[in-house]
C-alpha cells in the first residue's frame, strides 16, 4: 500500500505562486497514474490535474489549465503541483491520490483513485 503525504500549502495573495508536493512511501508508485484534487468548504471534491506514470501525459481541469502544472519525479517518489497566477477561487484543501488502474490511463474522477493523502490547505486572499 502506498502512503501519501502532501506539503507546500499556505496563505498567499492573488497572483502569487505555490508548489505543492506529494511524497509517496511504501509500495512503489512509479508505475501508477497520480492525481491532484481539491475540496472547498461546502463543495464536492473536484479534479485538478493528473499525470500518467511516465510523466509524459497530463490532464487538467479547465479552471486551472495554463496556470497549474503537474509533474512527477519517480526517483524521488514525489508528485508536484506548480500553481501560478492563483485566484481566490483556488482556495481549498488539496489532495494527491494514486490509482491502481491501468498505467496508461489518466483518470479524472475521484472514485477512480484508491489511496489519498491527508490534504494541504491552500488559501488565496484577494
Protein backbone atom coordinates (compact mmCIF):
# COMPACT_ATOMS: atom_id res chain seq x y z
CA UNK A 1 0.00 0.00 0.00
CA UNK A 2 1.26 3.47 -0.87
CA UNK A 3 1.15 6.22 1.75
CA UNK A 4 0.89 9.80 0.52
CA UNK A 5 1.81 13.00 2.34
CA UNK A 6 1.14 16.43 0.86
CA UNK A 7 3.01 19.60 1.73
CA UNK A 8 3.55 23.12 0.45
CA UNK A 9 0.20 24.69 1.14
CA UNK A 10 -0.20 28.09 2.73
CA UNK A 11 -1.73 31.55 2.64
CA UNK A 12 -0.88 33.65 -0.40
CA UNK A 13 -2.25 36.64 -2.26
CA UNK A 14 -3.99 36.56 -5.60
CA UNK A 15 -1.45 36.34 -8.40
CA UNK A 16 1.13 34.52 -6.29
CA UNK A 17 2.50 31.04 -6.86
CA UNK A 18 2.80 27.90 -4.75
CA UNK A 19 4.26 24.48 -5.36
CA UNK A 20 2.63 21.51 -3.67
CA UNK A 21 4.49 18.27 -3.16
CA UNK A 22 3.17 14.77 -2.58
CA UNK A 23 5.66 12.32 -1.12
CA UNK A 24 4.87 8.64 -1.59
CA UNK A 25 6.17 5.82 0.55
CA UNK A 26 5.53 2.12 0.85
CA UNK A 27 4.56 0.24 -2.28
CA UNK A 28 6.22 1.52 -5.43
CA UNK A 29 4.12 4.17 -7.07
CA UNK A 30 6.22 4.80 -10.16
CA UNK A 31 4.02 2.73 -12.48
CA UNK A 32 0.71 4.28 -11.46
CA UNK A 33 -1.09 7.45 -12.51
CA UNK A 34 -1.27 10.19 -9.89
CA UNK A 35 -3.77 12.98 -9.47
CA UNK A 36 -4.43 16.18 -7.57
CA UNK A 37 -7.91 17.07 -6.37
CA UNK A 38 -9.25 19.89 -4.23
CA UNK A 39 -12.21 20.48 -1.99
CA UNK A 40 -13.53 23.85 -0.91
CA UNK A 41 -15.89 24.21 2.08
CA UNK A 42 -19.39 23.09 1.21
CA UNK A 43 -18.35 21.77 -2.18
CA UNK A 44 -17.60 18.36 -3.61
CA UNK A 45 -14.06 17.21 -4.23
CA UNK A 46 -13.06 18.19 -7.74
CA UNK A 47 -10.39 17.10 -10.17
CA UNK A 48 -7.44 19.43 -10.68
CA UNK A 49 -4.74 17.57 -12.59
CA UNK A 50 -3.38 14.09 -13.25
CA UNK A 51 -0.25 12.58 -14.74
CA UNK A 52 0.49 9.21 -16.29
CA UNK A 53 3.17 7.05 -14.72
CA UNK A 54 5.84 8.18 -17.16
CA UNK A 55 5.10 11.86 -16.63
CA UNK A 56 4.75 12.41 -20.35
CA UNK A 57 0.97 12.74 -20.43
CA UNK A 58 -1.14 15.01 -18.28
CA UNK A 59 -4.71 16.23 -17.92
CA UNK A 60 -6.05 19.39 -16.31
CA UNK A 61 -9.35 20.83 -15.24
CA UNK A 62 -10.44 23.72 -17.43
CA UNK A 63 -10.32 26.03 -14.43
CA UNK A 64 -6.56 25.54 -13.95
CA UNK A 65 -5.40 24.87 -17.50
CA UNK A 66 -2.49 27.16 -18.31
CA UNK A 67 -1.92 28.13 -14.68
CA UNK A 68 -1.12 24.82 -12.98
CA UNK A 69 1.45 22.23 -13.93
CA UNK A 70 1.62 18.67 -12.62
CA UNK A 71 4.87 16.75 -12.74
CA UNK A 72 6.45 13.75 -11.09
CA UNK A 73 9.90 12.57 -10.14
CA UNK A 74 9.72 8.81 -9.81
CA UNK A 75 13.28 8.64 -8.48
CA UNK A 76 12.15 10.77 -5.54
CA UNK A 77 8.69 9.19 -5.25
CA UNK A 78 7.22 12.66 -5.46
CA UNK A 79 4.49 14.37 -7.47
CA UNK A 80 4.32 18.14 -7.73
CA UNK A 81 1.66 20.70 -8.50
CA UNK A 82 3.04 24.07 -9.54
CA UNK A 83 0.31 26.67 -9.16
CA UNK A 84 0.79 30.07 -10.75
CA UNK A 85 -1.48 33.11 -11.00
CA UNK A 86 -3.51 31.90 -8.05
CA UNK A 87 -7.04 33.18 -7.62
CA UNK A 88 -9.27 33.35 -4.54
CA UNK A 89 -11.44 30.63 -6.09
CA UNK A 90 -8.44 28.28 -5.90
CA UNK A 91 -8.82 28.27 -2.11
CA UNK A 92 -9.35 24.68 -0.98
CA UNK A 93 -7.78 21.67 0.65
CA UNK A 94 -5.63 19.98 -1.97
CA UNK A 95 -5.26 16.21 -2.02
CA UNK A 96 -3.00 13.93 -4.01
CA UNK A 97 -4.07 10.42 -4.88
CA UNK A 98 -2.88 7.32 -6.67
CA UNK A 99 -4.90 4.96 -8.81
CA UNK A 100 -4.17 1.30 -9.39
CA UNK A 101 -5.98 1.34 -12.70
CA UNK A 102 -4.04 0.79 -15.88
CA UNK A 103 -0.77 2.76 -16.04
CA UNK A 104 -1.93 4.04 -19.43
CA UNK A 105 -4.96 5.86 -18.02
CA UNK A 106 -5.27 9.37 -16.64
CA UNK A 107 -8.49 9.27 -14.59
CA UNK A 108 -10.28 12.48 -13.67
CA UNK A 109 -12.91 11.15 -11.26
CA UNK A 110 -12.27 10.82 -7.55
CA UNK A 111 -13.82 7.36 -7.40
CA UNK A 112 -11.10 6.09 -9.75
CA UNK A 113 -8.40 6.72 -7.17
CA UNK A 114 -7.51 4.24 -4.48
CA UNK A 115 -5.23 5.92 -1.96
CA UNK A 116 -5.38 9.52 -0.75
CA UNK A 117 -3.18 11.83 1.25
CA UNK A 118 -4.41 13.86 4.21
CA UNK A 119 -4.54 17.12 2.26
CA UNK A 120 -2.86 20.51 2.48
CA UNK A 121 -4.69 23.82 2.81
CA UNK A 122 -4.25 26.50 0.16
CA UNK A 123 -5.78 29.89 0.87
CA UNK A 124 -5.65 32.71 -1.66
CA UNK A 125 -6.62 36.17 -0.47
CA UNK A 126 -7.88 38.87 -2.80
